[in-house]
PDB file of N, CA and C in Angstrom:
ATOM      1  N   UNK A   1     113.395  34.215 -91.054  1.00  0.00           N
ATOM      2  CA  UNK A   1     112.316  33.307 -90.833  1.00  0.00           C
ATOM      3  C   UNK A   1     112.630  31.952 -91.458  1.00  0.00           C
ATOM      4  N   UNK A   2     112.467  30.902 -90.694  1.00  0.00           N
ATOM      5  CA  UNK A   2     112.566  29.572 -91.255  1.00  0.00           C
ATOM      6  C   UNK A   2     111.224  29.189 -91.807  1.00  0.00           C
ATOM      7  N   UNK A   3     111.227  28.616 -92.991  1.00  0.00           N
ATOM      8  CA  UNK A   3     109.956  28.399 -93.708  1.00  0.00           C
ATOM      9  C   UNK A   3     109.369  26.990 -93.540  1.00  0.00           C
ATOM     10  N   UNK A   4     108.671  26.834 -92.419  1.00  0.00           N
ATOM     11  CA  UNK A   4     107.863  25.598 -92.259  1.00  0.00           C
ATOM     12  C   UNK A   4     106.677  25.741 -93.193  1.00  0.00           C
ATOM     13  N   UNK A   5     106.397  24.733 -93.919  1.00  0.00           N
ATOM     14  CA  UNK A   5     105.201  24.709 -94.807  1.00  0.00           C
ATOM     15  C   UNK A   5     104.158  23.886 -94.093  1.00  0.00           C
ATOM     16  N   UNK A   6     103.038  24.468 -93.835  1.00  0.00           N
ATOM     17  CA  UNK A   6     101.915  23.801 -93.135  1.00  0.00           C
ATOM     18  C   UNK A   6     100.720  23.674 -94.079  1.00  0.00           C
ATOM     19  N   UNK A   7     100.289  22.471 -94.322  1.00  0.00           N
ATOM     20  CA  UNK A   7      99.097  22.205 -95.147  1.00  0.00           C
ATOM     21  C   UNK A   7      98.072  21.564 -94.177  1.00  0.00           C
ATOM     22  N   UNK A   8      96.903  22.134 -94.125  1.00  0.00           N
ATOM     23  CA  UNK A   8      95.911  21.658 -93.173  1.00  0.00           C
ATOM     24  C   UNK A   8      94.518  21.608 -93.819  1.00  0.00           C
ATOM     25  N   UNK A   9      93.974  20.365 -93.895  1.00  0.00           N
ATOM     26  CA  UNK A   9      92.619  20.153 -94.359  1.00  0.00           C
ATOM     27  C   UNK A   9      92.355  20.659 -95.761  1.00  0.00           C
ATOM     28  N   UNK A  10      93.388  20.600 -96.610  1.00  0.00           N
ATOM     29  CA  UNK A  10      93.253  21.159 -97.967  1.00  0.00           C
ATOM     30  C   UNK A  10      92.288  20.321 -98.841  1.00  0.00           C
ATOM     31  N   UNK A  11      91.331  21.037 -99.401  1.00  0.00           N
ATOM     32  CA  UNK A  11      90.374  20.437-100.343  1.00  0.00           C
ATOM     33  C   UNK A  11      90.271  21.338-101.536  1.00  0.00           C
ATOM     34  N   UNK A  12      90.259  20.696-102.729  1.00  0.00           N
ATOM     35  CA  UNK A  12      90.177  21.443-103.942  1.00  0.00           C
ATOM     36  C   UNK A  12      89.445  20.564-104.981  1.00  0.00           C
ATOM     37  N   UNK A  13      88.459  21.172-105.619  1.00  0.00           N
ATOM     38  CA  UNK A  13      87.673  20.457-106.636  1.00  0.00           C
ATOM     39  C   UNK A  13      87.720  21.313-107.917  1.00  0.00           C
ATOM     40  N   UNK A  14      87.901  20.614-109.057  1.00  0.00           N
ATOM     41  CA  UNK A  14      87.772  21.256-110.389  1.00  0.00           C
ATOM     42  C   UNK A  14      86.574  20.591-111.030  1.00  0.00           C
ATOM     43  N   UNK A  15      85.442  21.248-111.013  1.00  0.00           N
ATOM     44  CA  UNK A  15      84.213  20.688-111.547  1.00  0.00           C
ATOM     45  C   UNK A  15      83.835  19.432-110.768  1.00  0.00           C
ATOM     46  N   UNK A  16      83.708  18.305-111.447  1.00  0.00           N
ATOM     47  CA  UNK A  16      83.374  17.076-110.741  1.00  0.00           C
ATOM     48  C   UNK A  16      84.606  16.312-110.240  1.00  0.00           C
ATOM     49  N   UNK A  17      85.815  16.808-110.524  1.00  0.00           N
ATOM     50  CA  UNK A  17      87.051  16.147-110.110  1.00  0.00           C
ATOM     51  C   UNK A  17      87.546  16.663-108.774  1.00  0.00           C
ATOM     52  N   UNK A  18      87.625  15.723-107.798  1.00  0.00           N
ATOM     53  CA  UNK A  18      88.201  16.051-106.492  1.00  0.00           C
ATOM     54  C   UNK A  18      89.686  15.941-106.581  1.00  0.00           C
ATOM     55  N   UNK A  19      90.378  17.029-106.607  1.00  0.00           N
ATOM     56  CA  UNK A  19      91.861  17.023-106.715  1.00  0.00           C
ATOM     57  C   UNK A  19      92.553  16.840-105.368  1.00  0.00           C
ATOM     58  N   UNK A  20      92.026  17.435-104.343  1.00  0.00           N
ATOM     59  CA  UNK A  20      92.573  17.311-102.967  1.00  0.00           C
ATOM     60  C   UNK A  20      91.400  17.050-102.026  1.00  0.00           C
ATOM     61  N   UNK A  21      91.620  16.104-101.123  1.00  0.00           N
ATOM     62  CA  UNK A  21      90.514  15.723-100.235  1.00  0.00           C
ATOM     63  C   UNK A  21      90.974  15.665 -98.795  1.00  0.00           C
ATOM     64  N   UNK A  22      91.168  16.814 -98.187  1.00  0.00           N
ATOM     65  CA  UNK A  22      91.562  16.905 -96.784  1.00  0.00           C
ATOM     66  C   UNK A  22      93.028  16.676 -96.502  1.00  0.00           C
ATOM     67  N   UNK A  23      93.888  17.073 -97.417  1.00  0.00           N
ATOM     68  CA  UNK A  23      95.333  16.838 -97.253  1.00  0.00           C
ATOM     69  C   UNK A  23      95.865  17.632 -96.071  1.00  0.00           C
ATOM     70  N   UNK A  24      96.694  17.004 -95.248  1.00  0.00           N
ATOM     71  CA  UNK A  24      97.343  17.671 -94.102  1.00  0.00           C
ATOM     72  C   UNK A  24      98.759  17.110 -93.969  1.00  0.00           C
ATOM     73  N   UNK A  25      99.750  17.989 -93.917  1.00  0.00           N
ATOM     74  CA  UNK A  25     101.134  17.626 -93.635  1.00  0.00           C
ATOM     75  C   UNK A  25     101.930  18.877 -93.324  1.00  0.00           C
ATOM     76  N   UNK A  26     103.115  18.646 -92.775  1.00  0.00           N
ATOM     77  CA  UNK A  26     104.039  19.729 -92.446  1.00  0.00           C
ATOM     78  C   UNK A  26     105.405  19.415 -93.019  1.00  0.00           C
ATOM     79  N   UNK A  27     106.062  20.431 -93.625  1.00  0.00           N
ATOM     80  CA  UNK A  27     107.437  20.310 -94.086  1.00  0.00           C
ATOM     81  C   UNK A  27     108.231  21.181 -93.183  1.00  0.00           C
ATOM     82  N   UNK A  28     109.191  20.569 -92.490  1.00  0.00           N
ATOM     83  CA  UNK A  28     110.060  21.298 -91.558  1.00  0.00           C
ATOM     84  C   UNK A  28     111.254  21.964 -92.234  1.00  0.00           C
ATOM     85  N   UNK A  29     111.684  23.071 -91.699  1.00  0.00           N
ATOM     86  CA  UNK A  29     112.856  23.795 -92.317  1.00  0.00           C
ATOM     87  C   UNK A  29     114.120  22.929 -92.254  1.00  0.00           C
ATOM     88  N   UNK A  30     114.995  23.166 -93.205  1.00  0.00           N
ATOM     89  CA  UNK A  30     116.271  22.513 -93.218  1.00  0.00           C
ATOM     90  C   UNK A  30     116.272  21.132 -93.809  1.00  0.00           C
ATOM     91  N   UNK A  31     115.207  20.714 -94.421  1.00  0.00           N
ATOM     92  CA  UNK A  31     115.100  19.419 -95.047  1.00  0.00           C
ATOM     93  C   UNK A  31     114.766  19.570 -96.530  1.00  0.00           C
ATOM     94  N   UNK A  32     115.375  18.747 -97.369  1.00  0.00           N
ATOM     95  CA  UNK A  32     114.954  18.664 -98.771  1.00  0.00           C
ATOM     96  C   UNK A  32     113.856  17.643 -98.787  1.00  0.00           C
ATOM     97  N   UNK A  33     112.672  18.050 -99.329  1.00  0.00           N
ATOM     98  CA  UNK A  33     111.507  17.218 -99.252  1.00  0.00           C
ATOM     99  C   UNK A  33     111.016  16.915-100.653  1.00  0.00           C
ATOM    100  N   UNK A  34     110.847  15.635-100.953  1.00  0.00           N
ATOM    101  CA  UNK A  34     110.292  15.221-102.251  1.00  0.00           C
ATOM    102  C   UNK A  34     108.806  15.031-102.096  1.00  0.00           C
ATOM    103  N   UNK A  35     108.092  15.372-103.147  1.00  0.00           N
ATOM    104  CA  UNK A  35     106.630  15.250-103.173  1.00  0.00           C
ATOM    105  C   UNK A  35     106.308  14.399-104.388  1.00  0.00           C
ATOM    106  N   UNK A  36     106.046  13.134-104.139  1.00  0.00           N
ATOM    107  CA  UNK A  36     105.863  12.162-105.260  1.00  0.00           C
ATOM    108  C   UNK A  36     104.503  11.494-105.215  1.00  0.00           C
ATOM    109  N   UNK A  37     104.106  10.983-106.372  1.00  0.00           N
ATOM    110  CA  UNK A  37     102.848  10.278-106.487  1.00  0.00           C
ATOM    111  C   UNK A  37     102.486  10.126-107.960  1.00  0.00           C
ATOM    112  N   UNK A  38     101.530   9.296-108.247  1.00  0.00           N
ATOM    113  CA  UNK A  38     101.145   9.087-109.695  1.00  0.00           C
ATOM    114  C   UNK A  38     100.445  10.344-110.233  1.00  0.00           C
ATOM    115  N   UNK A  39     100.372  10.372-111.577  1.00  0.00           N
ATOM    116  CA  UNK A  39      99.639  11.458-112.222  1.00  0.00           C
ATOM    117  C   UNK A  39      98.266  11.498-111.639  1.00  0.00           C
ATOM    118  N   UNK A  40      97.802  12.730-111.387  1.00  0.00           N
ATOM    119  CA  UNK A  40      96.427  12.949-110.847  1.00  0.00           C
ATOM    120  C   UNK A  40      96.315  12.802-109.371  1.00  0.00           C
ATOM    121  N   UNK A  41      97.429  12.617-108.677  1.00  0.00           N
ATOM    122  CA  UNK A  41      97.407  12.438-107.191  1.00  0.00           C
ATOM    123  C   UNK A  41      97.220  13.760-106.455  1.00  0.00           C
ATOM    124  N   UNK A  42      97.417  14.893-107.115  1.00  0.00           N
ATOM    125  CA  UNK A  42      97.272  16.184-106.471  1.00  0.00           C
ATOM    126  C   UNK A  42      98.511  16.932-106.170  1.00  0.00           C
ATOM    127  N   UNK A  43      99.675  16.450-106.635  1.00  0.00           N
ATOM    128  CA  UNK A  43     100.943  17.127-106.358  1.00  0.00           C
ATOM    129  C   UNK A  43     100.986  18.533-106.890  1.00  0.00           C
ATOM    130  N   UNK A  44     100.677  18.733-108.179  1.00  0.00           N
ATOM    131  CA  UNK A  44     100.736  20.048-108.743  1.00  0.00           C
ATOM    132  C   UNK A  44      99.624  20.959-108.146  1.00  0.00           C
ATOM    133  N   UNK A  45      98.464  20.438-107.893  1.00  0.00           N
ATOM    134  CA  UNK A  45      97.400  21.234-107.311  1.00  0.00           C
ATOM    135  C   UNK A  45      97.837  21.720-105.921  1.00  0.00           C
ATOM    136  N   UNK A  46      98.450  20.823-105.117  1.00  0.00           N
ATOM    137  CA  UNK A  46      98.902  21.224-103.781  1.00  0.00           C
ATOM    138  C   UNK A  46      99.948  22.348-103.907  1.00  0.00           C
ATOM    139  N   UNK A  47     100.891  22.167-104.813  1.00  0.00           N
ATOM    140  CA  UNK A  47     101.946  23.222-104.976  1.00  0.00           C
ATOM    141  C   UNK A  47     101.350  24.507-105.473  1.00  0.00           C
ATOM    142  N   UNK A  48     100.371  24.444-106.382  1.00  0.00           N
ATOM    143  CA  UNK A  48      99.704  25.677-106.826  1.00  0.00           C
ATOM    144  C   UNK A  48      98.984  26.400-105.691  1.00  0.00           C
ATOM    145  N   UNK A  49      98.372  25.643-104.784  1.00  0.00           N
ATOM    146  CA  UNK A  49      97.727  26.255-103.609  1.00  0.00           C
ATOM    147  C   UNK A  49      98.803  26.858-102.700  1.00  0.00           C
ATOM    148  N   UNK A  50      99.898  26.103-102.398  1.00  0.00           N
ATOM    149  CA  UNK A  50     100.936  26.649-101.545  1.00  0.00           C
ATOM    150  C   UNK A  50     101.486  27.953-102.085  1.00  0.00           C
ATOM    151  N   UNK A  51     101.654  28.032-103.410  1.00  0.00           N
ATOM    152  CA  UNK A  51     102.241  29.201-104.055  1.00  0.00           C
ATOM    153  C   UNK A  51     101.218  30.312-104.346  1.00  0.00           C
ATOM    154  N   UNK A  52      99.967  30.078-103.914  1.00  0.00           N
ATOM    155  CA  UNK A  52      98.921  31.096-104.128  1.00  0.00           C
ATOM    156  C   UNK A  52      98.437  31.231-105.544  1.00  0.00           C
ATOM    157  N   UNK A  53      98.727  30.267-106.403  1.00  0.00           N
ATOM    158  CA  UNK A  53      98.277  30.308-107.799  1.00  0.00           C
ATOM    159  C   UNK A  53      96.826  29.817-107.953  1.00  0.00           C
ATOM    160  N   UNK A  54      96.404  29.008-107.013  1.00  0.00           N
ATOM    161  CA  UNK A  54      94.992  28.532-106.914  1.00  0.00           C
ATOM    162  C   UNK A  54      94.532  28.673-105.486  1.00  0.00           C
ATOM    163  N   UNK A  55      93.278  28.928-105.325  1.00  0.00           N
ATOM    164  CA  UNK A  55      92.675  29.036-103.943  1.00  0.00           C
ATOM    165  C   UNK A  55      92.115  27.672-103.571  1.00  0.00           C
ATOM    166  N   UNK A  56      92.288  27.256-102.323  1.00  0.00           N
ATOM    167  CA  UNK A  56      91.618  25.995-101.899  1.00  0.00           C
ATOM    168  C   UNK A  56      90.147  26.232-101.679  1.00  0.00           C
ATOM    169  N   UNK A  57      89.357  25.173-101.824  1.00  0.00           N
ATOM    170  CA  UNK A  57      87.946  25.228-101.462  1.00  0.00           C
ATOM    171  C   UNK A  57      87.805  25.215 -99.931  1.00  0.00           C
ATOM    172  N   UNK A  58      88.707  24.492 -99.269  1.00  0.00           N
ATOM    173  CA  UNK A  58      88.750  24.419 -97.820  1.00  0.00           C
ATOM    174  C   UNK A  58      90.177  24.245 -97.365  1.00  0.00           C
ATOM    175  N   UNK A  59      90.445  24.602 -96.120  1.00  0.00           N
ATOM    176  CA  UNK A  59      91.773  24.432 -95.563  1.00  0.00           C
ATOM    177  C   UNK A  59      92.706  25.571 -95.852  1.00  0.00           C
ATOM    178  N   UNK A  60      93.972  25.389 -95.460  1.00  0.00           N
ATOM    179  CA  UNK A  60      94.953  26.430 -95.752  1.00  0.00           C
ATOM    180  C   UNK A  60      96.326  25.838 -96.002  1.00  0.00           C
ATOM    181  N   UNK A  61      97.143  26.674 -96.654  1.00  0.00           N
ATOM    182  CA  UNK A  61      98.534  26.379 -96.904  1.00  0.00           C
ATOM    183  C   UNK A  61      99.361  27.619 -96.483  1.00  0.00           C
ATOM    184  N   UNK A  62     100.270  27.405 -95.510  1.00  0.00           N
ATOM    185  CA  UNK A  62     101.027  28.485 -94.944  1.00  0.00           C
ATOM    186  C   UNK A  62     102.508  28.225 -95.082  1.00  0.00           C
ATOM    187  N   UNK A  63     103.256  29.304 -95.296  1.00  0.00           N
ATOM    188  CA  UNK A  63     104.705  29.270 -95.310  1.00  0.00           C
ATOM    189  C   UNK A  63     105.219  30.159 -94.192  1.00  0.00           C
ATOM    190  N   UNK A  64     105.852  29.547 -93.231  1.00  0.00           N
ATOM    191  CA  UNK A  64     106.286  30.333 -92.069  1.00  0.00           C
ATOM    192  C   UNK A  64     105.149  30.993 -91.345  1.00  0.00           C
ATOM    193  N   UNK A  65     103.977  30.295 -91.368  1.00  0.00           N
ATOM    194  CA  UNK A  65     102.790  30.790 -90.663  1.00  0.00           C
ATOM    195  C   UNK A  65     101.961  31.848 -91.424  1.00  0.00           C
ATOM    196  N   UNK A  66     102.365  32.076 -92.689  1.00  0.00           N
ATOM    197  CA  UNK A  66     101.661  33.092 -93.501  1.00  0.00           C
ATOM    198  C   UNK A  66     101.367  32.540 -94.895  1.00  0.00           C
ATOM    199  N   UNK A  67     100.380  33.112 -95.541  1.00  0.00           N
ATOM    200  CA  UNK A  67     100.142  32.731 -96.936  1.00  0.00           C
ATOM    201  C   UNK A  67     101.355  33.201 -97.792  1.00  0.00           C
ATOM    202  N   UNK A  68     101.737  32.389 -98.783  1.00  0.00           N
ATOM    203  CA  UNK A  68     102.894  32.687 -99.620  1.00  0.00           C
ATOM    204  C   UNK A  68     102.807  34.087-100.216  1.00  0.00           C
ATOM    205  N   UNK A  69     101.589  34.457-100.687  1.00  0.00           N
ATOM    206  CA  UNK A  69     101.420  35.751-101.359  1.00  0.00           C
ATOM    207  C   UNK A  69     101.711  36.935-100.422  1.00  0.00           C
ATOM    208  N   UNK A  70     101.667  36.723 -99.093  1.00  0.00           N
ATOM    209  CA  UNK A  70     101.909  37.831 -98.177  1.00  0.00           C
ATOM    210  C   UNK A  70     103.369  37.967 -97.823  1.00  0.00           C
ATOM    211  N   UNK A  71     104.257  37.042 -98.278  1.00  0.00           N
ATOM    212  CA  UNK A  71     105.649  37.141 -97.979  1.00  0.00           C
ATOM    213  C   UNK A  71     106.291  38.256 -98.828  1.00  0.00           C
ATOM    214  N   UNK A  72     107.099  39.084 -98.202  1.00  0.00           N
ATOM    215  CA  UNK A  72     107.697  40.198 -98.923  1.00  0.00           C
ATOM    216  C   UNK A  72     108.712  39.717 -99.980  1.00  0.00           C
ATOM    217  N   UNK A  73     109.524  38.757 -99.655  1.00  0.00           N
ATOM    218  CA  UNK A  73     110.483  38.198-100.625  1.00  0.00           C
ATOM    219  C   UNK A  73     110.355  36.669-100.568  1.00  0.00           C
ATOM    220  N   UNK A  74     109.328  36.142-101.263  1.00  0.00           N
ATOM    221  CA  UNK A  74     109.018  34.734-101.105  1.00  0.00           C
ATOM    222  C   UNK A  74     110.103  33.766-101.505  1.00  0.00           C
ATOM    223  N   UNK A  75     110.920  34.093-102.476  1.00  0.00           N
ATOM    224  CA  UNK A  75     111.977  33.159-102.909  1.00  0.00           C
ATOM    225  C   UNK A  75     113.061  33.014-101.881  1.00  0.00           C
ATOM    226  N   UNK A  76     113.103  33.847-100.872  1.00  0.00           N
ATOM    227  CA  UNK A  76     114.013  33.687 -99.764  1.00  0.00           C
ATOM    228  C   UNK A  76     113.609  32.553 -98.839  1.00  0.00           C
ATOM    229  N   UNK A  77     112.361  32.074 -99.044  1.00  0.00           N
ATOM    230  CA  UNK A  77     111.780  31.049 -98.152  1.00  0.00           C
ATOM    231  C   UNK A  77     111.453  29.761 -98.874  1.00  0.00           C
ATOM    232  N   UNK A  78     110.921  29.862-100.100  1.00  0.00           N
ATOM    233  CA  UNK A  78     110.423  28.690-100.831  1.00  0.00           C
ATOM    234  C   UNK A  78     110.787  28.859-102.299  1.00  0.00           C
ATOM    235  N   UNK A  79     111.299  27.780-102.879  1.00  0.00           N
ATOM    236  CA  UNK A  79     111.533  27.734-104.303  1.00  0.00           C
ATOM    237  C   UNK A  79     110.742  26.572-104.899  1.00  0.00           C
ATOM    238  N   UNK A  80     110.175  26.742-106.063  1.00  0.00           N
ATOM    239  CA  UNK A  80     109.392  25.688-106.698  1.00  0.00           C
ATOM    240  C   UNK A  80     109.490  25.801-108.195  1.00  0.00           C
ATOM    241  N   UNK A  81     109.469  24.659-108.883  1.00  0.00           N
ATOM    242  CA  UNK A  81     109.436  24.610-110.313  1.00  0.00           C
ATOM    243  C   UNK A  81     108.267  23.685-110.691  1.00  0.00           C
ATOM    244  N   UNK A  82     107.213  24.244-111.172  1.00  0.00           N
ATOM    245  CA  UNK A  82     106.045  23.467-111.478  1.00  0.00           C
ATOM    246  C   UNK A  82     106.020  22.892-112.912  1.00  0.00           C
ATOM    247  N   UNK A  83     106.708  23.549-113.827  1.00  0.00           N
ATOM    248  CA  UNK A  83     106.705  23.121-115.202  1.00  0.00           C
ATOM    249  C   UNK A  83     108.079  23.300-115.795  1.00  0.00           C
ATOM    250  N   UNK A  84     108.869  22.212-115.873  1.00  0.00           N
ATOM    251  CA  UNK A  84     110.233  22.314-116.387  1.00  0.00           C
ATOM    252  C   UNK A  84     110.259  22.798-117.831  1.00  0.00           C
ATOM    253  N   UNK A  85     109.172  22.599-118.576  1.00  0.00           N
ATOM    254  CA  UNK A  85     109.129  23.091-119.989  1.00  0.00           C
ATOM    255  C   UNK A  85     109.163  24.575-120.047  1.00  0.00           C
ATOM    256  N   UNK A  86     108.904  25.300-118.931  1.00  0.00           N
ATOM    257  CA  UNK A  86     108.895  26.750-118.944  1.00  0.00           C
ATOM    258  C   UNK A  86     110.324  27.325-118.915  1.00  0.00           C
ATOM    259  N   UNK A  87     111.328  26.456-118.659  1.00  0.00           N
ATOM    260  CA  UNK A  87     112.721  26.915-118.587  1.00  0.00           C
ATOM    261  C   UNK A  87     113.247  27.199-119.973  1.00  0.00           C
ATOM    262  N   UNK A  88     114.159  28.188-120.052  1.00  0.00           N
ATOM    263  CA  UNK A  88     114.852  28.458-121.310  1.00  0.00           C
ATOM    264  C   UNK A  88     115.862  27.348-121.533  1.00  0.00           C
ATOM    265  N   UNK A  89     115.764  26.576-122.618  1.00  0.00           N
ATOM    266  CA  UNK A  89     116.559  25.332-122.740  1.00  0.00           C
ATOM    267  C   UNK A  89     118.084  25.558-122.866  1.00  0.00           C
ATOM    268  N   UNK A  90     118.484  26.738-123.269  1.00  0.00           N
ATOM    269  CA  UNK A  90     119.900  26.998-123.434  1.00  0.00           C
ATOM    270  C   UNK A  90     120.594  27.333-122.100  1.00  0.00           C
ATOM    271  N   UNK A  91     119.873  27.616-121.062  1.00  0.00           N
ATOM    272  CA  UNK A  91     120.485  28.008-119.775  1.00  0.00           C
ATOM    273  C   UNK A  91     120.851  26.786-118.950  1.00  0.00           C
ATOM    274  N   UNK A  92     121.910  26.942-118.184  1.00  0.00           N
ATOM    275  CA  UNK A  92     122.249  25.914-117.206  1.00  0.00           C
ATOM    276  C   UNK A  92     121.309  26.080-116.012  1.00  0.00           C
ATOM    277  N   UNK A  93     121.264  25.075-115.174  1.00  0.00           N
ATOM    278  CA  UNK A  93     120.477  25.171-113.970  1.00  0.00           C
ATOM    279  C   UNK A  93     120.861  26.345-113.115  1.00  0.00           C
ATOM    280  N   UNK A  94     122.165  26.572-112.988  1.00  0.00           N
ATOM    281  CA  UNK A  94     122.682  27.681-112.183  1.00  0.00           C
ATOM    282  C   UNK A  94     122.251  29.014-112.801  1.00  0.00           C
ATOM    283  N   UNK A  95     122.320  29.150-114.105  1.00  0.00           N
ATOM    284  CA  UNK A  95     121.913  30.421-114.696  1.00  0.00           C
ATOM    285  C   UNK A  95     120.437  30.685-114.552  1.00  0.00           C
ATOM    286  N   UNK A  96     119.598  29.664-114.616  1.00  0.00           N
ATOM    287  CA  UNK A  96     118.160  29.845-114.360  1.00  0.00           C
ATOM    288  C   UNK A  96     117.998  30.325-112.889  1.00  0.00           C
ATOM    289  N   UNK A  97     118.680  29.722-111.946  1.00  0.00           N
ATOM    290  CA  UNK A  97     118.538  30.100-110.535  1.00  0.00           C
ATOM    291  C   UNK A  97     119.067  31.540-110.327  1.00  0.00           C
ATOM    292  N   UNK A  98     120.122  31.900-111.016  1.00  0.00           N
ATOM    293  CA  UNK A  98     120.625  33.286-110.915  1.00  0.00           C
ATOM    294  C   UNK A  98     119.580  34.273-111.396  1.00  0.00           C
ATOM    295  N   UNK A  99     118.914  33.951-112.467  1.00  0.00           N
ATOM    296  CA  UNK A  99     117.813  34.817-112.983  1.00  0.00           C
ATOM    297  C   UNK A  99     116.758  35.035-111.948  1.00  0.00           C
ATOM    298  N   UNK A 100     116.306  33.884-111.313  1.00  0.00           N
ATOM    299  CA  UNK A 100     115.296  33.990-110.265  1.00  0.00           C
ATOM    300  C   UNK A 100     115.805  34.741-109.064  1.00  0.00           C
ATOM    301  N   UNK A 101     117.038  34.431-108.667  1.00  0.00           N
ATOM    302  CA  UNK A 101     117.601  35.067-107.481  1.00  0.00           C
ATOM    303  C   UNK A 101     117.679  36.598-107.658  1.00  0.00           C
ATOM    304  N   UNK A 102     118.091  37.040-108.825  1.00  0.00           N
ATOM    305  CA  UNK A 102     118.200  38.464-109.112  1.00  0.00           C
ATOM    306  C   UNK A 102     116.867  39.148-108.906  1.00  0.00           C
ATOM    307  N   UNK A 103     115.726  38.470-109.274  1.00  0.00           N
ATOM    308  CA  UNK A 103     114.410  39.091-109.104  1.00  0.00           C
ATOM    309  C   UNK A 103     114.052  39.294-107.674  1.00  0.00           C
ATOM    310  N   UNK A 104     114.754  38.604-106.748  1.00  0.00           N
ATOM    311  CA  UNK A 104     114.476  38.748-105.281  1.00  0.00           C
ATOM    312  C   UNK A 104     115.608  39.440-104.558  1.00  0.00           C
ATOM    313  N   UNK A 105     116.548  40.014-105.263  1.00  0.00           N
ATOM    314  CA  UNK A 105     117.644  40.727-104.664  1.00  0.00           C
ATOM    315  C   UNK A 105     118.699  39.805-104.010  1.00  0.00           C
ATOM    316  N   UNK A 106     118.761  38.598-104.501  1.00  0.00           N
ATOM    317  CA  UNK A 106     119.739  37.610-103.991  1.00  0.00           C
ATOM    318  C   UNK A 106     120.907  37.498-104.956  1.00  0.00           C
ATOM    319  N   UNK A 107     122.077  37.293-104.405  1.00  0.00           N
ATOM    320  CA  UNK A 107     123.304  37.202-105.202  1.00  0.00           C
ATOM    321  C   UNK A 107     123.697  35.775-105.599  1.00  0.00           C
ATOM    322  N   UNK A 108     124.752  35.737-106.407  1.00  0.00           N
ATOM    323  CA  UNK A 108     125.290  34.446-106.906  1.00  0.00           C
ATOM    324  C   UNK A 108     125.797  33.592-105.781  1.00  0.00           C
ATOM    325  N   UNK A 109     126.313  34.190-104.692  1.00  0.00           N
ATOM    326  CA  UNK A 109     126.816  33.421-103.566  1.00  0.00           C
ATOM    327  C   UNK A 109     125.702  32.586-102.967  1.00  0.00           C
ATOM    328  N   UNK A 110     124.509  33.156-102.867  1.00  0.00           N
ATOM    329  CA  UNK A 110     123.390  32.433-102.255  1.00  0.00           C
ATOM    330  C   UNK A 110     122.917  31.302-103.207  1.00  0.00           C
ATOM    331  N   UNK A 111     122.943  31.519-104.501  1.00  0.00           N
ATOM    332  CA  UNK A 111     122.569  30.492-105.424  1.00  0.00           C
ATOM    333  C   UNK A 111     123.534  29.302-105.265  1.00  0.00           C
ATOM    334  N   UNK A 112     124.835  29.601-105.234  1.00  0.00           N
ATOM    335  CA  UNK A 112     125.826  28.531-105.090  1.00  0.00           C
ATOM    336  C   UNK A 112     125.676  27.816-103.764  1.00  0.00           C
ATOM    337  N   UNK A 113     125.380  28.536-102.686  1.00  0.00           N
ATOM    338  CA  UNK A 113     125.195  27.945-101.380  1.00  0.00           C
ATOM    339  C   UNK A 113     124.030  26.997-101.374  1.00  0.00           C
ATOM    340  N   UNK A 114     122.909  27.387-101.972  1.00  0.00           N
ATOM    341  CA  UNK A 114     121.695  26.545-101.985  1.00  0.00           C
ATOM    342  C   UNK A 114     121.924  25.319-102.884  1.00  0.00           C
ATOM    343  N   UNK A 115     122.602  25.514-104.013  1.00  0.00           N
ATOM    344  CA  UNK A 115     122.898  24.347-104.859  1.00  0.00           C
ATOM    345  C   UNK A 115     123.721  23.317-104.089  1.00  0.00           C
ATOM    346  N   UNK A 116     124.687  23.743-103.324  1.00  0.00           N
ATOM    347  CA  UNK A 116     125.489  22.819-102.532  1.00  0.00           C
ATOM    348  C   UNK A 116     124.625  22.166-101.436  1.00  0.00           C
ATOM    349  N   UNK A 117     123.808  22.986-100.735  1.00  0.00           N
ATOM    350  CA  UNK A 117     122.970  22.404 -99.656  1.00  0.00           C
ATOM    351  C   UNK A 117     122.036  21.318-100.219  1.00  0.00           C
ATOM    352  N   UNK A 118     121.528  21.519-101.435  1.00  0.00           N
ATOM    353  CA  UNK A 118     120.651  20.552-102.028  1.00  0.00           C
ATOM    354  C   UNK A 118     121.346  19.398-102.695  1.00  0.00           C
ATOM    355  N   UNK A 119     122.700  19.445-102.679  1.00  0.00           N
ATOM    356  CA  UNK A 119     123.489  18.365-103.327  1.00  0.00           C
ATOM    357  C   UNK A 119     123.492  18.431-104.829  1.00  0.00           C
ATOM    358  N   UNK A 120     123.214  19.632-105.346  1.00  0.00           N
ATOM    359  CA  UNK A 120     123.153  19.831-106.803  1.00  0.00           C
ATOM    360  C   UNK A 120     124.334  20.559-107.411  1.00  0.00           C
ATOM    361  N   UNK A 121     125.388  20.846-106.548  1.00  0.00           N
ATOM    362  CA  UNK A 121     126.560  21.493-107.048  1.00  0.00           C
ATOM    363  C   UNK A 121     127.142  20.904-108.278  1.00  0.00           C
ATOM    364  N   UNK A 122     127.375  19.556-108.374  1.00  0.00           N
ATOM    365  CA  UNK A 122     127.931  18.953-109.528  1.00  0.00           C
ATOM    366  C   UNK A 122     127.109  19.109-110.793  1.00  0.00           C
ATOM    367  N   UNK A 123     125.810  19.316-110.683  1.00  0.00           N
ATOM    368  CA  UNK A 123     124.937  19.434-111.840  1.00  0.00           C
ATOM    369  C   UNK A 123     124.620  20.881-112.222  1.00  0.00           C
ATOM    370  N   UNK A 124     125.162  21.825-111.468  1.00  0.00           N
ATOM    371  CA  UNK A 124     124.738  23.249-111.618  1.00  0.00           C
ATOM    372  C   UNK A 124     125.013  23.813-112.979  1.00  0.00           C
ATOM    373  N   UNK A 125     126.015  23.331-113.661  1.00  0.00           N
ATOM    374  CA  UNK A 125     126.395  23.920-114.961  1.00  0.00           C
ATOM    375  C   UNK A 125     125.944  23.109-116.131  1.00  0.00           C
ATOM    376  N   UNK A 126     125.041  22.157-115.853  1.00  0.00           N
ATOM    377  CA  UNK A 126     124.398  21.384-116.968  1.00  0.00           C
ATOM    378  C   UNK A 126     123.158  22.106-117.438  1.00  0.00           C
ATOM    379  N   UNK A 127     122.862  21.950-118.691  1.00  0.00           N
ATOM    380  CA  UNK A 127     121.617  22.532-119.239  1.00  0.00           C
ATOM    381  C   UNK A 127     120.445  21.665-118.783  1.00  0.00           C
TER     382      UNK A 127
END
């Protein structure tokens, strides 16, 4: 399955703070997509909804036409890092990805392939 990410009419409020207000966009497979904006723009909230860590008040976020939580092996479709401080500082980027890949039954060959596809091969062995 190719993992198109579809965000449609996403709204999320935390108390009196409107974090997302009708966000709609599509991320097509085969593209590296950056998600940028100032602090408080809703980037992390959107990613938390996509990954099923928070529920939207309205709208939906789908990966390959399905909620992320319903994917049998989600890391085969979408990878995300929401908090770089959560990484073990002694590990290289490649070793962190190997740890994640192992949890999904993926091997080192796939990690190396994805690093190259993303243009991160030269940085893979840096901490």
